[in-house]
Amino acid sequence: MDHRFKRWRTFAGALLLLTLLVVVAGSAQSDPFPQSTLHPKGDFAQMVDKLFRTTLFWATLVFVLVEGALVFVIFKFRGKPDDPEPKQVHGNTMVEVIWTAIPALVLAMIAVPTVRTIFRTYEIPKGDGVLQVEVIGHQWWWEFRYPELGLTTSNELHVPVGRTVALKMVTQDVLHSFWIPQLAAKRDIFSNRSTTLWFKAEQAGDYPGQCAEFCGLEHGRMAFQVIAEGPPEFDAYVARMQATGVHAAPVAPGDSAAAGAAPVAAAAPAGASDTTAGAQLFMMKGCVGCHSLDATKPMGIGPNLAGIGRRRYIAAGWMESTDANLTHWIQHPQLMKPGVIMPELGVTEAEAQALVAYLRQH
């Protein structure tokens, strides 16, 4: 009797501990993992989360009932040394109907909302209020184009809160997968074939995204940020990016005397005075061959750098945009992100600082 009591006490203690852990986990208000689907901030993600919770409810109910019945039978009908041979039976129509009907009902309760959610999330939103964005995946960075606004940017997708955003996605090279955990699901994107995705951010904030399909050496560093902001802030961002076309062209090397600038070799400590030298270096080092500082012109084989001075991250969303990081990145891109198409250009510390000072103006 004491032995059975100890077993029950151990079982009850373990069940209580498990219950407490579930309650504590469920009551957590903040998520330490930003790339989490458990705190949806968009209508698309909320639909997926609702489907997940519906499936979890039915799975939990089945688990509790089945395991509860199993534990009950184990203890209620456990064998004893003097038990007679159990009565042998062959089939029971009623029992078979019940254990077929109940799983069918549970599956229907899961399948109906699943199919409904799949069809809803694959709809392509249309209308004047929908913001159209073209997404192009590269190894290993993201390009975002706003065809209606005439803008191109990279690795930061700005969207207005409360407005549906329709994404038309394609890849420039290998297979990628576009994923914004808190706003939408993930979608594989292919070359020569467009994939669609949509979402509407319900709250302002910064939402990290990630390539979710292995695409090469630096796949893990192919991240991006979705910046959801109020309509006035978004309009200000659009106006700021459209204005980059006015002053995007750097000073040509031969115009240094006309501009009143010192020769590039004389550029030493970085600072505001280095912006002209940085503009010359942007031309002389060949940066202009791969990058554009004009958001209205999607040119170059590298990321568009318009607005880079205000960006939170560099190198496709995984490195904080500090002067030290940007300087180191300009000098040693292959060391910081092996395999990236940006070559080592032999940029000195002083030249890199001058380039950073120049880029901070854009």
Protein backbone atom coordinates (compact mmCIF):
# COMPACT_ATOMS: atom_id res chain seq x y z
CA MET A 1 0.00 0.00 0.00
CA ASP A 2 2.84 2.38 0.87
CA HIS A 3 4.56 1.52 -2.40
CA ARG A 4 1.48 2.43 -4.44
CA PHE A 5 1.02 5.64 -2.47
CA LYS A 6 4.60 6.69 -3.24
CA ARG A 7 4.06 6.01 -6.93
CA TRP A 8 0.92 8.14 -7.00
CA ARG A 9 2.67 10.91 -5.08
CA THR A 10 5.57 10.91 -7.55
CA PHE A 11 3.17 10.96 -10.48
CA ALA A 12 1.13 13.81 -8.98
CA GLY A 13 4.29 15.81 -8.25
CA ALA A 14 5.56 15.44 -11.80
CA LEU A 15 2.15 16.43 -13.19
CA LEU A 16 2.05 19.51 -10.94
CA LEU A 17 5.57 20.55 -12.00
CA LEU A 18 4.66 20.17 -15.68
CA THR A 19 1.51 22.27 -15.15
CA LEU A 20 3.50 25.03 -13.46
CA LEU A 21 6.03 25.10 -16.30
CA VAL A 22 3.25 25.40 -18.87
CA VAL A 23 1.59 28.24 -16.90
CA VAL A 24 4.86 30.14 -16.51
CA ALA A 25 5.71 29.74 -20.21
CA GLY A 26 2.23 30.84 -21.25
CA SER A 27 2.22 33.89 -19.01
CA ALA A 28 5.47 35.33 -20.39
CA GLN A 29 4.75 38.76 -21.84
CA SER A 30 7.99 39.37 -23.73
CA ASP A 31 9.68 37.13 -26.24
CA PRO A 32 13.48 36.91 -25.93
CA PHE A 33 13.64 35.49 -29.46
CA PRO A 34 12.72 38.17 -32.02
CA GLN A 35 12.32 35.65 -34.85
CA SER A 36 9.32 34.05 -33.18
CA THR A 37 5.93 33.13 -34.57
CA LEU A 38 4.38 33.02 -31.09
CA HIS A 39 3.80 36.79 -30.91
CA PRO A 40 2.10 37.67 -34.23
CA LYS A 41 1.92 41.37 -35.12
CA GLY A 42 0.21 41.07 -38.50
CA ASP A 43 -3.10 39.75 -39.82
CA PHE A 44 -1.46 36.99 -41.87
CA ALA A 45 0.58 35.80 -38.89
CA GLN A 46 -2.50 35.99 -36.65
CA MET A 47 -4.41 33.66 -38.96
CA VAL A 48 -1.56 31.16 -38.91
CA ASP A 49 -1.28 31.49 -35.13
CA LYS A 50 -5.01 30.90 -34.70
CA LEU A 51 -4.76 27.75 -36.82
CA PHE A 52 -1.80 26.58 -34.76
CA ARG A 53 -3.69 27.10 -31.50
CA THR A 54 -6.76 25.31 -32.88
CA THR A 55 -4.64 22.31 -33.87
CA LEU A 56 -2.86 22.40 -30.50
CA PHE A 57 -6.19 22.42 -28.64
CA TRP A 58 -7.49 19.31 -30.40
CA ALA A 59 -4.13 17.55 -30.13
CA THR A 60 -4.00 18.32 -26.40
CA LEU A 61 -7.57 17.11 -25.90
CA VAL A 62 -6.84 13.83 -27.70
CA PHE A 63 -3.61 13.38 -25.73
CA VAL A 64 -5.29 13.98 -22.36
CA LEU A 65 -8.21 11.64 -23.12
CA VAL A 66 -6.11 8.84 -24.60
CA GLU A 67 -3.33 8.99 -22.02
CA GLY A 68 -5.85 9.42 -19.22
CA ALA A 69 -7.76 6.33 -20.37
CA LEU A 70 -4.49 4.43 -20.71
CA VAL A 71 -3.35 5.31 -17.18
CA PHE A 72 -6.79 4.44 -15.81
CA VAL A 73 -6.77 1.03 -17.50
CA ILE A 74 -3.20 0.32 -16.36
CA PHE A 75 -4.04 0.86 -12.71
CA LYS A 76 -7.65 -0.36 -12.75
CA PHE A 77 -7.13 -3.62 -14.62
CA ARG A 78 -3.53 -4.46 -13.79
CA GLY A 79 -2.91 -8.17 -13.54
CA LYS A 80 -2.67 -10.07 -10.26
CA PRO A 81 -1.12 -13.50 -9.68
CA ASP A 82 -4.47 -15.17 -8.97
CA ASP A 83 -6.43 -13.56 -11.86
CA PRO A 84 -8.32 -15.98 -14.14
CA GLU A 85 -7.72 -16.06 -17.90
CA PRO A 86 -9.42 -12.99 -19.45
CA LYS A 87 -12.49 -13.59 -21.57
CA GLN A 88 -11.58 -13.73 -25.24
CA VAL A 89 -13.71 -11.55 -27.55
CA HIS A 90 -13.65 -11.07 -31.30
CA GLY A 91 -14.56 -7.58 -32.45
CA ASN A 92 -17.16 -5.13 -31.24
CA THR A 93 -19.02 -3.16 -33.88
CA MET A 94 -20.04 -0.33 -31.56
CA VAL A 95 -16.51 0.20 -30.26
CA GLU A 96 -15.09 0.17 -33.79
CA VAL A 97 -17.65 2.74 -34.94
CA ILE A 98 -16.81 4.97 -31.98
CA TRP A 99 -13.04 4.84 -32.40
CA THR A 100 -13.46 5.55 -36.11
CA ALA A 101 -15.98 8.37 -35.75
CA ILE A 102 -14.13 10.30 -33.03
CA PRO A 103 -10.79 10.58 -34.93
CA ALA A 104 -12.71 11.50 -38.09
CA LEU A 105 -14.47 14.28 -36.20
CA VAL A 106 -11.20 15.56 -34.74
CA LEU A 107 -9.56 15.53 -38.17
CA ALA A 108 -12.49 17.45 -39.62
CA MET A 109 -12.20 20.07 -36.87
CA ILE A 110 -8.55 20.53 -37.88
CA ALA A 111 -8.86 20.11 -41.66
CA VAL A 112 -11.66 22.64 -42.23
CA PRO A 113 -9.86 25.66 -40.68
CA THR A 114 -6.57 24.49 -42.25
CA VAL A 115 -7.98 24.48 -45.78
CA ARG A 116 -9.76 27.77 -45.15
CA THR A 117 -6.53 29.39 -43.92
CA ILE A 118 -4.50 28.02 -46.85
CA PHE A 119 -6.90 29.49 -49.40
CA ARG A 120 -7.09 32.79 -47.53
CA THR A 121 -3.32 33.22 -47.26
CA TYR A 122 -2.78 32.41 -50.93
CA GLU A 123 -5.16 35.08 -52.13
CA ILE A 124 -3.55 37.99 -53.97
CA PRO A 125 -4.82 41.28 -52.51
CA LYS A 126 -5.73 43.96 -55.01
CA GLY A 127 -7.00 47.51 -54.88
CA ASP A 128 -5.75 51.06 -54.64
CA GLY A 129 -4.95 50.72 -50.95
CA VAL A 130 -2.51 47.82 -51.41
CA LEU A 131 1.19 48.65 -51.37
CA GLN A 132 2.97 46.67 -54.08
CA VAL A 133 6.56 45.60 -53.42
CA GLU A 134 8.88 43.53 -55.58
CA VAL A 135 11.34 41.34 -53.68
CA ILE A 136 14.50 40.01 -55.33
CA GLY A 137 16.71 37.53 -53.50
CA HIS A 138 20.48 37.58 -54.07
CA GLN A 139 23.38 35.71 -52.55
CA TRP A 140 23.28 36.96 -49.81
CA TRP A 141 21.10 40.04 -49.55
CA TRP A 142 17.59 41.25 -50.33
CA GLU A 143 16.45 43.88 -52.81
CA PHE A 144 13.12 45.69 -52.36
CA ARG A 145 11.47 47.70 -55.12
CA TYR A 146 8.38 49.89 -54.81
CA PRO A 147 7.16 50.14 -58.43
CA GLU A 148 4.37 52.58 -57.64
CA LEU A 149 6.73 54.89 -55.75
CA GLY A 150 9.70 54.48 -58.09
CA LEU A 151 12.02 53.44 -55.26
CA THR A 152 14.59 50.70 -54.71
CA THR A 153 16.30 49.79 -51.46
CA SER A 154 18.02 46.82 -49.88
CA ASN A 155 17.77 44.79 -46.68
CA GLU A 156 15.27 47.17 -45.04
CA LEU A 157 11.62 46.99 -46.04
CA HIS A 158 9.64 50.01 -44.82
CA VAL A 159 5.86 49.54 -44.70
CA PRO A 160 2.99 51.62 -43.27
CA VAL A 161 1.04 50.24 -40.33
CA GLY A 162 -2.53 49.21 -41.14
CA ARG A 163 -1.99 48.93 -44.90
CA THR A 164 -1.84 45.64 -46.78
CA VAL A 165 1.48 44.96 -48.46
CA ALA A 166 1.57 42.60 -51.46
CA LEU A 167 4.94 41.05 -52.24
CA LYS A 168 5.88 39.69 -55.66
CA MET A 169 9.09 37.71 -55.18
CA VAL A 170 11.74 36.20 -57.41
CA THR A 171 15.38 35.17 -57.01
CA GLN A 172 18.34 36.38 -59.02
CA ASP A 173 20.35 33.21 -58.52
CA VAL A 174 19.63 30.15 -56.35
CA LEU A 175 16.57 29.12 -54.37
CA HIS A 176 15.80 31.34 -51.37
CA SER A 177 12.96 31.48 -48.85
CA PHE A 178 11.46 34.73 -47.58
CA TRP A 179 10.32 34.61 -43.95
CA ILE A 180 9.00 37.28 -41.57
CA PRO A 181 8.02 35.25 -38.46
CA GLN A 182 5.94 37.90 -36.70
CA LEU A 183 4.16 39.24 -39.77
CA ALA A 184 3.71 36.39 -42.24
CA ALA A 185 4.65 32.85 -43.13
CA LYS A 186 7.61 31.79 -45.24
CA ARG A 187 7.59 31.44 -49.02
CA ASP A 188 10.17 29.77 -51.24
CA ILE A 189 11.21 31.99 -54.13
CA PHE A 190 12.57 30.80 -57.47
CA SER A 191 14.22 32.19 -60.57
CA ASN A 192 12.01 32.78 -63.64
CA ARG A 193 8.91 32.31 -61.52
CA SER A 194 7.26 34.79 -59.17
CA THR A 195 5.90 33.88 -55.74
CA THR A 196 3.39 35.99 -53.84
CA LEU A 197 2.97 36.83 -50.17
CA TRP A 198 1.02 39.48 -48.35
CA PHE A 199 0.67 40.88 -44.84
CA LYS A 200 -0.55 43.88 -42.91
CA ALA A 201 1.43 45.08 -39.92
CA GLU A 202 -0.91 45.84 -37.02
CA GLN A 203 1.72 47.46 -34.78
CA ALA A 204 4.67 49.74 -35.42
CA GLY A 205 8.07 48.20 -34.80
CA ASP A 206 11.12 46.50 -36.26
CA TYR A 207 10.53 42.92 -37.35
CA PRO A 208 13.51 40.75 -38.31
CA GLY A 209 13.29 38.44 -41.28
CA GLN A 210 15.51 35.71 -42.62
CA CYS A 211 16.19 33.52 -45.62
CA ALA A 212 14.80 30.16 -44.52
CA GLU A 213 16.21 27.97 -47.30
CA PHE A 214 19.87 27.00 -47.42
CA CYS A 215 21.36 29.02 -50.27
CA GLY A 216 25.09 28.82 -49.82
CA LEU A 217 27.96 29.61 -47.48
CA GLU A 218 26.48 32.79 -45.97
CA HIS A 219 22.85 31.64 -45.82
CA GLY A 220 22.74 32.23 -42.07
CA ARG A 221 23.68 35.88 -42.62
CA MET A 222 21.03 36.63 -45.22
CA ALA A 223 18.73 38.60 -42.95
CA PHE A 224 16.62 41.73 -43.34
CA GLN A 225 14.44 44.10 -41.33
CA VAL A 226 10.82 45.08 -41.85
CA ILE A 227 10.27 48.57 -40.44
CA ALA A 228 6.55 49.10 -39.78
CA GLU A 229 5.76 52.75 -39.09
CA GLY A 230 2.78 55.05 -39.00
CA PRO A 231 1.54 56.54 -42.30
CA PRO A 232 3.11 59.99 -41.63
CA GLU A 233 6.49 58.41 -40.84
CA PHE A 234 6.25 56.19 -43.91
CA ASP A 235 5.41 59.17 -46.14
CA ALA A 236 8.43 60.99 -44.71
CA TYR A 237 10.61 57.97 -45.48
CA VAL A 238 9.34 57.87 -49.08
CA ALA A 239 9.99 61.59 -49.54
CA ARG A 240 13.48 61.22 -48.09
CA MET A 241 14.31 58.30 -50.39
CA GLN A 242 12.91 60.07 -53.46
CA ALA A 243 15.13 63.03 -52.65
CA THR A 244 18.26 60.87 -52.90
CA GLY A 245 18.12 61.26 -56.66
CA VAL A 246 18.89 64.97 -56.31
CA HIS A 247 22.28 64.62 -54.63
CA ALA A 248 23.27 61.02 -55.24
CA ALA A 249 26.05 61.54 -57.78
CA PRO A 250 29.50 61.62 -56.16
CA VAL A 251 32.13 64.15 -57.18
CA ALA A 252 34.22 62.94 -60.11
CA PRO A 253 37.96 62.57 -59.47
CA GLY A 254 38.83 65.29 -61.98
CA ASP A 255 36.53 67.81 -60.29
CA SER A 256 38.38 67.96 -56.97
CA ALA A 257 39.97 71.32 -57.71
CA ALA A 258 36.69 72.85 -58.83
CA ALA A 259 35.00 71.56 -55.73
CA GLY A 260 37.72 73.03 -53.58
CA ALA A 261 38.65 69.61 -52.19
CA ALA A 262 42.07 68.33 -51.22
CA PRO A 263 43.55 65.37 -53.13
CA VAL A 264 42.43 61.96 -51.93
CA ALA A 265 45.91 61.14 -50.62
CA ALA A 266 45.60 64.07 -48.21
CA ALA A 267 42.47 62.61 -46.58
CA ALA A 268 43.56 61.60 -43.08
CA PRO A 269 41.31 61.68 -40.01
CA ALA A 270 37.65 60.95 -40.67
CA GLY A 271 35.02 63.57 -40.05
CA ALA A 272 32.57 65.88 -41.78
CA SER A 273 35.39 67.34 -43.89
CA ASP A 274 36.05 63.91 -45.35
CA THR A 275 32.78 63.72 -47.25
CA THR A 276 34.26 65.17 -50.45
CA ALA A 277 37.26 62.86 -50.25
CA GLY A 278 34.85 60.00 -49.60
CA ALA A 279 32.88 60.95 -52.71
CA GLN A 280 36.05 60.80 -54.78
CA LEU A 281 36.99 57.45 -53.26
CA PHE A 282 33.51 56.13 -54.03
CA MET A 283 34.35 56.73 -57.71
CA MET A 284 38.03 55.79 -57.71
CA LYS A 285 37.68 52.53 -55.77
CA GLY A 286 34.96 51.33 -58.10
CA CYS A 287 32.14 51.40 -55.51
CA VAL A 288 29.96 53.23 -58.01
CA GLY A 289 30.26 50.26 -60.38
CA CYS A 290 28.27 48.02 -58.02
CA HIS A 291 26.28 50.39 -55.79
CA SER A 292 23.84 53.22 -56.36
CA LEU A 293 23.15 56.01 -53.90
CA ASP A 294 19.99 56.94 -55.78
CA ALA A 295 16.86 55.12 -54.63
CA THR A 296 15.06 56.16 -57.81
CA LYS A 297 17.50 54.24 -60.03
CA PRO A 298 17.77 50.44 -59.45
CA MET A 299 21.25 50.13 -60.91
CA GLY A 300 24.36 48.16 -59.96
CA ILE A 301 24.95 44.53 -59.07
CA GLY A 302 25.27 45.24 -55.36
CA PRO A 303 22.76 46.54 -52.79
CA ASN A 304 21.34 50.02 -53.28
CA LEU A 305 22.93 52.23 -50.62
CA ALA A 306 20.40 55.07 -50.62
CA GLY A 307 19.58 55.90 -47.02
CA ILE A 308 22.40 53.77 -45.62
CA GLY A 309 23.29 56.51 -43.15
CA ARG A 310 20.01 55.88 -41.32
CA ARG A 311 19.96 52.09 -41.50
CA ARG A 312 20.08 50.05 -38.32
CA TYR A 313 22.08 47.19 -39.81
CA ILE A 314 24.58 46.56 -42.59
CA ALA A 315 25.77 43.45 -44.46
CA ALA A 316 22.23 42.13 -45.00
CA GLY A 317 20.76 42.71 -41.59
CA TRP A 318 23.16 40.91 -39.25
CA MET A 319 25.67 43.60 -38.21
CA GLU A 320 24.82 46.82 -36.34
CA SER A 321 25.40 49.91 -38.43
CA THR A 322 28.14 51.56 -36.39
CA ASP A 323 31.00 53.55 -37.88
CA ALA A 324 33.49 50.95 -36.65
CA ASN A 325 31.55 48.06 -38.22
CA LEU A 326 31.03 49.91 -41.50
CA THR A 327 34.73 50.83 -41.66
CA HIS A 328 35.76 47.24 -41.03
CA TRP A 329 33.25 45.99 -43.58
CA ILE A 330 34.58 48.32 -46.31
CA GLN A 331 38.13 47.17 -45.61
CA HIS A 332 37.57 43.44 -45.17
CA PRO A 333 34.25 42.21 -46.63
CA GLN A 334 35.65 38.76 -47.42
CA LEU A 335 36.89 38.35 -43.87
CA MET A 336 33.56 39.35 -42.33
CA LYS A 337 31.33 37.53 -44.82
CA PRO A 338 33.33 34.96 -46.82
CA GLY A 339 32.05 34.37 -50.34
CA VAL A 340 30.23 37.69 -50.72
CA ILE A 341 30.66 39.27 -54.17
CA MET A 342 32.17 42.45 -52.71
CA PRO A 343 35.95 42.14 -53.25
CA GLU A 344 38.85 43.25 -51.10
CA LEU A 345 39.79 46.63 -52.61
CA GLY A 346 42.86 47.41 -50.55
CA VAL A 347 41.16 50.30 -48.77
CA THR A 348 43.24 51.87 -46.02
CA GLU A 349 41.87 52.80 -42.60
CA ALA A 350 41.82 56.51 -43.49
CA GLU A 351 40.13 55.86 -46.82
CA ALA A 352 37.51 53.63 -45.20
CA GLN A 353 36.75 56.32 -42.63
CA ALA A 354 36.38 58.90 -45.40
CA LEU A 355 33.98 56.57 -47.22
CA VAL A 356 31.98 56.08 -44.02
CA ALA A 357 31.75 59.84 -43.52
CA TYR A 358 30.48 60.18 -47.08
CA LEU A 359 27.98 57.33 -46.81
CA ARG A 360 26.58 58.76 -43.57
CA GLN A 361 25.34 61.71 -45.60
CA HIS A 362 23.08 59.41 -47.64
